[in-house]
Amino acid sequence: MKEENVGGVTNYYKGQEVKVVWREDGKTKLGRGHIMNDDEQFIYLKGEKGSLVVNRKEIVVIKGTKPNE
């Protein structure tokens, strides 16, 4: 994962806390945090519990929330 390869999803949700819902082994899972990077195949999420890599094909929805300013 290279920091200079920032994709469209990263730019769209820049500075926002996001929730990512995806399917894994027939179950629906939820991740919360900030999108650090994305590429053609994966989205890289960093939250309170650590880092997460999610396959784009398995993502159901991404919802961003604006930080309190």
PDB file of N, CA and C in Angstrom:
ATOM      1  N   MET A   1       0.847  -1.178   0.000  1.00  0.00           N
ATOM      2  CA  MET A   1       0.000   0.000   0.000  1.00  0.00           C
ATOM      3  C   MET A   1       0.887   1.233   0.000  1.00  0.00           C
ATOM      4  N   LYS A   2       0.786   2.035  -1.029  1.00  0.00           N
ATOM      5  CA  LYS A   2       1.583   3.241  -1.144  1.00  0.00           C
ATOM      6  C   LYS A   2       0.695   4.454  -0.883  1.00  0.00           C
ATOM      7  N   GLU A   3       1.191   5.385  -0.108  1.00  0.00           N
ATOM      8  CA  GLU A   3       0.417   6.563   0.268  1.00  0.00           C
ATOM      9  C   GLU A   3       0.117   7.469  -0.937  1.00  0.00           C
ATOM     10  N   GLU A   4       1.002   7.515  -1.940  1.00  0.00           N
ATOM     11  CA  GLU A   4       0.785   8.421  -3.062  1.00  0.00           C
ATOM     12  C   GLU A   4      -0.271   7.917  -4.039  1.00  0.00           C
ATOM     13  N   ASN A   5      -0.664   6.651  -3.972  1.00  0.00           N
ATOM     14  CA  ASN A   5      -1.689   6.102  -4.854  1.00  0.00           C
ATOM     15  C   ASN A   5      -3.070   6.265  -4.230  1.00  0.00           C
ATOM     16  N   VAL A   6      -3.515   7.489  -4.087  1.00  0.00           N
ATOM     17  CA  VAL A   6      -4.804   7.765  -3.467  1.00  0.00           C
ATOM     18  C   VAL A   6      -5.873   7.713  -4.550  1.00  0.00           C
ATOM     19  N   GLY A   7      -6.910   6.881  -4.329  1.00  0.00           N
ATOM     20  CA  GLY A   7      -7.951   6.689  -5.325  1.00  0.00           C
ATOM     21  C   GLY A   7      -9.168   7.564  -5.100  1.00  0.00           C
ATOM     22  N   GLY A   8     -10.197   7.337  -5.912  1.00  0.00           N
ATOM     23  CA  GLY A   8     -11.413   8.139  -5.891  1.00  0.00           C
ATOM     24  C   GLY A   8     -12.201   8.039  -4.604  1.00  0.00           C
ATOM     25  N   VAL A   9     -12.312   6.837  -4.047  1.00  0.00           N
ATOM     26  CA  VAL A   9     -13.060   6.665  -2.800  1.00  0.00           C
ATOM     27  C   VAL A   9     -12.352   7.400  -1.671  1.00  0.00           C
ATOM     28  N   THR A  10     -11.049   7.342  -1.653  1.00  0.00           N
ATOM     29  CA  THR A  10     -10.268   8.029  -0.622  1.00  0.00           C
ATOM     30  C   THR A  10     -10.489   9.533  -0.694  1.00  0.00           C
ATOM     31  N   ASN A  11     -10.473  10.090  -1.887  1.00  0.00           N
ATOM     32  CA  ASN A  11     -10.692  11.521  -2.054  1.00  0.00           C
ATOM     33  C   ASN A  11     -12.116  11.924  -1.675  1.00  0.00           C
ATOM     34  N   TYR A  12     -13.095  11.124  -2.043  1.00  0.00           N
ATOM     35  CA  TYR A  12     -14.500  11.443  -1.772  1.00  0.00           C
ATOM     36  C   TYR A  12     -14.783  11.482  -0.271  1.00  0.00           C
ATOM     37  N   TYR A  13     -14.241  10.543   0.481  1.00  0.00           N
ATOM     38  CA  TYR A  13     -14.485  10.452   1.924  1.00  0.00           C
ATOM     39  C   TYR A  13     -13.333  11.028   2.759  1.00  0.00           C
ATOM     40  N   LYS A  14     -12.524  11.896   2.176  1.00  0.00           N
ATOM     41  CA  LYS A  14     -11.363  12.460   2.868  1.00  0.00           C
ATOM     42  C   LYS A  14     -11.798  13.207   4.132  1.00  0.00           C
ATOM     43  N   GLY A  15     -11.176  12.862   5.258  1.00  0.00           N
ATOM     44  CA  GLY A  15     -11.461  13.523   6.526  1.00  0.00           C
ATOM     45  C   GLY A  15     -12.751  13.078   7.197  1.00  0.00           C
ATOM     46  N   GLN A  16     -13.398  12.055   6.669  1.00  0.00           N
ATOM     47  CA  GLN A  16     -14.664  11.587   7.220  1.00  0.00           C
ATOM     48  C   GLN A  16     -14.509  10.221   7.884  1.00  0.00           C
ATOM     49  N   GLU A  17     -15.257  10.031   8.940  1.00  0.00           N
ATOM     50  CA  GLU A  17     -15.396   8.712   9.559  1.00  0.00           C
ATOM     51  C   GLU A  17     -16.380   7.943   8.680  1.00  0.00           C
ATOM     52  N   VAL A  18     -16.055   6.711   8.318  1.00  0.00           N
ATOM     53  CA  VAL A  18     -16.931   5.928   7.443  1.00  0.00           C
ATOM     54  C   VAL A  18     -17.313   4.607   8.098  1.00  0.00           C
ATOM     55  N   LYS A  19     -18.428   4.067   7.615  1.00  0.00           N
ATOM     56  CA  LYS A  19     -18.844   2.710   7.957  1.00  0.00           C
ATOM     57  C   LYS A  19     -18.869   1.940   6.646  1.00  0.00           C
ATOM     58  N   VAL A  20     -18.220   0.782   6.630  1.00  0.00           N
ATOM     59  CA  VAL A  20     -18.172  -0.067   5.445  1.00  0.00           C
ATOM     60  C   VAL A  20     -18.846  -1.390   5.791  1.00  0.00           C
ATOM     61  N   VAL A  21     -19.847  -1.769   4.987  1.00  0.00           N
ATOM     62  CA  VAL A  21     -20.537  -3.047   5.170  1.00  0.00           C
ATOM     63  C   VAL A  21     -20.143  -3.945   4.007  1.00  0.00           C
ATOM     64  N   TRP A  22     -19.739  -5.192   4.311  1.00  0.00           N
ATOM     65  CA  TRP A  22     -19.358  -6.135   3.268  1.00  0.00           C
ATOM     66  C   TRP A  22     -19.802  -7.536   3.644  1.00  0.00           C
ATOM     67  N   ARG A  23     -19.759  -8.428   2.649  1.00  0.00           N
ATOM     68  CA  ARG A  23     -20.107  -9.835   2.863  1.00  0.00           C
ATOM     69  C   ARG A  23     -18.838 -10.660   2.949  1.00  0.00           C
ATOM     70  N   GLU A  24     -18.842 -11.601   3.908  1.00  0.00           N
ATOM     71  CA  GLU A  24     -17.710 -12.514   4.047  1.00  0.00           C
ATOM     72  C   GLU A  24     -18.244 -13.845   4.557  1.00  0.00           C
ATOM     73  N   ASP A  25     -18.020 -14.902   3.800  1.00  0.00           N
ATOM     74  CA  ASP A  25     -18.468 -16.254   4.164  1.00  0.00           C
ATOM     75  C   ASP A  25     -19.964 -16.309   4.454  1.00  0.00           C
ATOM     76  N   GLY A  26     -20.770 -15.602   3.663  1.00  0.00           N
ATOM     77  CA  GLY A  26     -22.224 -15.626   3.837  1.00  0.00           C
ATOM     78  C   GLY A  26     -22.732 -14.758   4.967  1.00  0.00           C
ATOM     79  N   LYS A  27     -21.862 -14.030   5.642  1.00  0.00           N
ATOM     80  CA  LYS A  27     -22.254 -13.146   6.744  1.00  0.00           C
ATOM     81  C   LYS A  27     -21.992 -11.706   6.357  1.00  0.00           C
ATOM     82  N   THR A  28     -22.759 -10.794   6.940  1.00  0.00           N
ATOM     83  CA  THR A  28     -22.557  -9.370   6.726  1.00  0.00           C
ATOM     84  C   THR A  28     -21.695  -8.828   7.859  1.00  0.00           C
ATOM     85  N   LYS A  29     -20.664  -8.078   7.503  1.00  0.00           N
ATOM     86  CA  LYS A  29     -19.744  -7.528   8.498  1.00  0.00           C
ATOM     87  C   LYS A  29     -19.680  -6.017   8.361  1.00  0.00           C
ATOM     88  N   LEU A  30     -19.294  -5.337   9.453  1.00  0.00           N
ATOM     89  CA  LEU A  30     -19.240  -3.877   9.500  1.00  0.00           C
ATOM     90  C   LEU A  30     -17.875  -3.432  10.009  1.00  0.00           C
ATOM     91  N   GLY A  31     -17.287  -2.458   9.323  1.00  0.00           N
ATOM     92  CA  GLY A  31     -16.034  -1.860   9.765  1.00  0.00           C
ATOM     93  C   GLY A  31     -16.207  -0.354   9.864  1.00  0.00           C
ATOM     94  N   ARG A  32     -15.594   0.248  10.874  1.00  0.00           N
ATOM     95  CA  ARG A  32     -15.665   1.698  11.078  1.00  0.00           C
ATOM     96  C   ARG A  32     -14.266   2.270  11.138  1.00  0.00           C
ATOM     97  N   GLY A  33     -14.105   3.467  10.576  1.00  0.00           N
ATOM     98  CA  GLY A  33     -12.810   4.137  10.624  1.00  0.00           C
ATOM     99  C   GLY A  33     -12.661   5.127   9.493  1.00  0.00           C
ATOM    100  N   HIS A  34     -11.406   5.374   9.114  1.00  0.00           N
ATOM    101  CA  HIS A  34     -11.080   6.298   8.033  1.00  0.00           C
ATOM    102  C   HIS A  34     -10.479   5.506   6.881  1.00  0.00           C
ATOM    103  N   ILE A  35     -10.877   5.822   5.660  1.00  0.00           N
ATOM    104  CA  ILE A  35     -10.296   5.170   4.489  1.00  0.00           C
ATOM    105  C   ILE A  35      -8.922   5.790   4.251  1.00  0.00           C
ATOM    106  N   MET A  36      -7.902   4.964   4.354  1.00  0.00           N
ATOM    107  CA  MET A  36      -6.530   5.434   4.199  1.00  0.00           C
ATOM    108  C   MET A  36      -6.091   5.430   2.736  1.00  0.00           C
ATOM    109  N   ASN A  37      -6.588   4.457   1.976  1.00  0.00           N
ATOM    110  CA  ASN A  37      -6.175   4.310   0.585  1.00  0.00           C
ATOM    111  C   ASN A  37      -7.148   3.364  -0.103  1.00  0.00           C
ATOM    112  N   ASP A  38      -7.149   3.382  -1.427  1.00  0.00           N
ATOM    113  CA  ASP A  38      -7.911   2.400  -2.201  1.00  0.00           C
ATOM    114  C   ASP A  38      -7.251   2.215  -3.553  1.00  0.00           C
ATOM    115  N   ASP A  39      -7.483   1.051  -4.131  1.00  0.00           N
ATOM    116  CA  ASP A  39      -6.992   0.770  -5.468  1.00  0.00           C
ATOM    117  C   ASP A  39      -8.084   0.041  -6.235  1.00  0.00           C
ATOM    118  N   GLU A  40      -7.740  -0.561  -7.350  1.00  0.00           N
ATOM    119  CA  GLU A  40      -8.742  -1.209  -8.196  1.00  0.00           C
ATOM    120  C   GLU A  40      -9.416  -2.390  -7.523  1.00  0.00           C
ATOM    121  N   GLN A  41      -8.754  -3.027  -6.565  1.00  0.00           N
ATOM    122  CA  GLN A  41      -9.276  -4.247  -5.976  1.00  0.00           C
ATOM    123  C   GLN A  41      -9.646  -4.125  -4.494  1.00  0.00           C
ATOM    124  N   PHE A  42      -8.975  -3.271  -3.737  1.00  0.00           N
ATOM    125  CA  PHE A  42      -9.173  -3.216  -2.292  1.00  0.00           C
ATOM    126  C   PHE A  42      -9.393  -1.799  -1.783  1.00  0.00           C
ATOM    127  N   ILE A  43     -10.022  -1.708  -0.597  1.00  0.00           N
ATOM    128  CA  ILE A  43     -10.140  -0.467   0.156  1.00  0.00           C
ATOM    129  C   ILE A  43      -9.470  -0.712   1.503  1.00  0.00           C
ATOM    130  N   TYR A  44      -8.600   0.212   1.906  1.00  0.00           N
ATOM    131  CA  TYR A  44      -7.833   0.087   3.140  1.00  0.00           C
ATOM    132  C   TYR A  44      -8.433   1.014   4.188  1.00  0.00           C
ATOM    133  N   LEU A  45      -8.893   0.432   5.288  1.00  0.00           N
ATOM    134  CA  LEU A  45      -9.596   1.160   6.338  1.00  0.00           C
ATOM    135  C   LEU A  45      -8.784   1.086   7.629  1.00  0.00           C
ATOM    136  N   LYS A  46      -8.681   2.210   8.349  1.00  0.00           N
ATOM    137  CA  LYS A  46      -7.984   2.219   9.634  1.00  0.00           C
ATOM    138  C   LYS A  46      -8.941   2.740  10.697  1.00  0.00           C
ATOM    139  N   GLY A  47      -9.135   1.926  11.742  1.00  0.00           N
ATOM    140  CA  GLY A  47     -10.043   2.287  12.820  1.00  0.00           C
ATOM    141  C   GLY A  47      -9.377   2.143  14.174  1.00  0.00           C
ATOM    142  N   GLU A  48     -10.187   2.230  15.221  1.00  0.00           N
ATOM    143  CA  GLU A  48      -9.677   2.146  16.585  1.00  0.00           C
ATOM    144  C   GLU A  48      -9.047   0.788  16.892  1.00  0.00           C
ATOM    145  N   LYS A  49      -9.581  -0.276  16.305  1.00  0.00           N
ATOM    146  CA  LYS A  49      -9.104  -1.625  16.603  1.00  0.00           C
ATOM    147  C   LYS A  49      -7.990  -2.094  15.675  1.00  0.00           C
ATOM    148  N   GLY A  50      -7.611  -1.278  14.692  1.00  0.00           N
ATOM    149  CA  GLY A  50      -6.538  -1.667  13.790  1.00  0.00           C
ATOM    150  C   GLY A  50      -6.870  -1.376  12.346  1.00  0.00           C
ATOM    151  N   SER A  51      -6.142  -2.014  11.444  1.00  0.00           N
ATOM    152  CA  SER A  51      -6.313  -1.813  10.010  1.00  0.00           C
ATOM    153  C   SER A  51      -7.098  -2.959   9.390  1.00  0.00           C
ATOM    154  N   LEU A  52      -7.772  -2.659   8.286  1.00  0.00           N
ATOM    155  CA  LEU A  52      -8.624  -3.630   7.617  1.00  0.00           C
ATOM    156  C   LEU A  52      -8.503  -3.436   6.112  1.00  0.00           C
ATOM    157  N   VAL A  53      -8.434  -4.531   5.383  1.00  0.00           N
ATOM    158  CA  VAL A  53      -8.416  -4.495   3.923  1.00  0.00           C
ATOM    159  C   VAL A  53      -9.661  -5.225   3.440  1.00  0.00           C
ATOM    160  N   VAL A  54     -10.488  -4.527   2.632  1.00  0.00           N
ATOM    161  CA  VAL A  54     -11.748  -5.093   2.162  1.00  0.00           C
ATOM    162  C   VAL A  54     -11.737  -5.145   0.640  1.00  0.00           C
ATOM    163  N   ASN A  55     -12.121  -6.288   0.094  1.00  0.00           N
ATOM    164  CA  ASN A  55     -12.228  -6.453  -1.353  1.00  0.00           C
ATOM    165  C   ASN A  55     -13.416  -5.645  -1.861  1.00  0.00           C
ATOM    166  N   ARG A  56     -13.211  -4.840  -2.897  1.00  0.00           N
ATOM    167  CA  ARG A  56     -14.277  -3.995  -3.449  1.00  0.00           C
ATOM    168  C   ARG A  56     -15.495  -4.809  -3.914  1.00  0.00           C
ATOM    169  N   LYS A  57     -15.264  -6.014  -4.421  1.00  0.00           N
ATOM    170  CA  LYS A  57     -16.361  -6.836  -4.937  1.00  0.00           C
ATOM    171  C   LYS A  57     -17.317  -7.284  -3.841  1.00  0.00           C
ATOM    172  N   GLU A  58     -16.844  -7.322  -2.592  1.00  0.00           N
ATOM    173  CA  GLU A  58     -17.652  -7.794  -1.471  1.00  0.00           C
ATOM    174  C   GLU A  58     -18.373  -6.662  -0.730  1.00  0.00           C
ATOM    175  N   ILE A  59     -18.069  -5.402  -1.065  1.00  0.00           N
ATOM    176  CA  ILE A  59     -18.657  -4.259  -0.350  1.00  0.00           C
ATOM    177  C   ILE A  59     -20.118  -4.087  -0.738  1.00  0.00           C
ATOM    178  N   VAL A  60     -20.964  -3.928   0.285  1.00  0.00           N
ATOM    179  CA  VAL A  60     -22.393  -3.684   0.093  1.00  0.00           C
ATOM    180  C   VAL A  60     -22.651  -2.181   0.066  1.00  0.00           C
ATOM    181  N   VAL A  61     -22.101  -1.451   1.054  1.00  0.00           N
ATOM    182  CA  VAL A  61     -22.340  -0.011   1.149  1.00  0.00           C
ATOM    183  C   VAL A  61     -21.207   0.659   1.926  1.00  0.00           C
ATOM    184  N   ILE A  62     -20.937   1.920   1.578  1.00  0.00           N
ATOM    185  CA  ILE A  62     -20.017   2.761   2.341  1.00  0.00           C
ATOM    186  C   ILE A  62     -20.789   4.017   2.707  1.00  0.00           C
ATOM    187  N   LYS A  63     -20.806   4.347   4.000  1.00  0.00           N
ATOM    188  CA  LYS A  63     -21.507   5.538   4.451  1.00  0.00           C
ATOM    189  C   LYS A  63     -20.543   6.407   5.229  1.00  0.00           C
ATOM    190  N   GLY A  64     -20.422   7.662   4.831  1.00  0.00           N
ATOM    191  CA  GLY A  64     -19.520   8.599   5.492  1.00  0.00           C
ATOM    192  C   GLY A  64     -20.279   9.519   6.414  1.00  0.00           C
ATOM    193  N   THR A  65     -19.622   9.916   7.493  1.00  0.00           N
ATOM    194  CA  THR A  65     -20.172  10.891   8.405  1.00  0.00           C
ATOM    195  C   THR A  65     -19.169  12.011   8.561  1.00  0.00           C
ATOM    196  N   LYS A  66     -19.613  13.247   8.454  1.00  0.00           N
ATOM    197  CA  LYS A  66     -18.734  14.402   8.564  1.00  0.00           C
ATOM    198  C   LYS A  66     -18.257  14.554  10.004  1.00  0.00           C
ATOM    199  N   PRO A  67     -16.982  14.861  10.191  1.00  0.00           N
ATOM    200  CA  PRO A  67     -16.493  15.091  11.557  1.00  0.00           C
ATOM    201  C   PRO A  67     -17.059  16.385  12.114  1.00  0.00           C
ATOM    202  N   ASN A  68     -17.191  16.447  13.428  1.00  0.00           N
ATOM    203  CA  ASN A  68     -17.680  17.670  14.060  1.00  0.00           C
ATOM    204  C   ASN A  68     -16.639  18.765  13.926  1.00  0.00           C
ATOM    205  N   GLU A  69     -17.057  19.880  13.378  1.00  0.00           N
ATOM    206  CA  GLU A  69     -16.117  21.001  13.172  1.00  0.00           C
ATOM    207  C   GLU A  69     -16.449  22.125  14.107  1.00  0.00           C
TER     208      GLU A  69
END
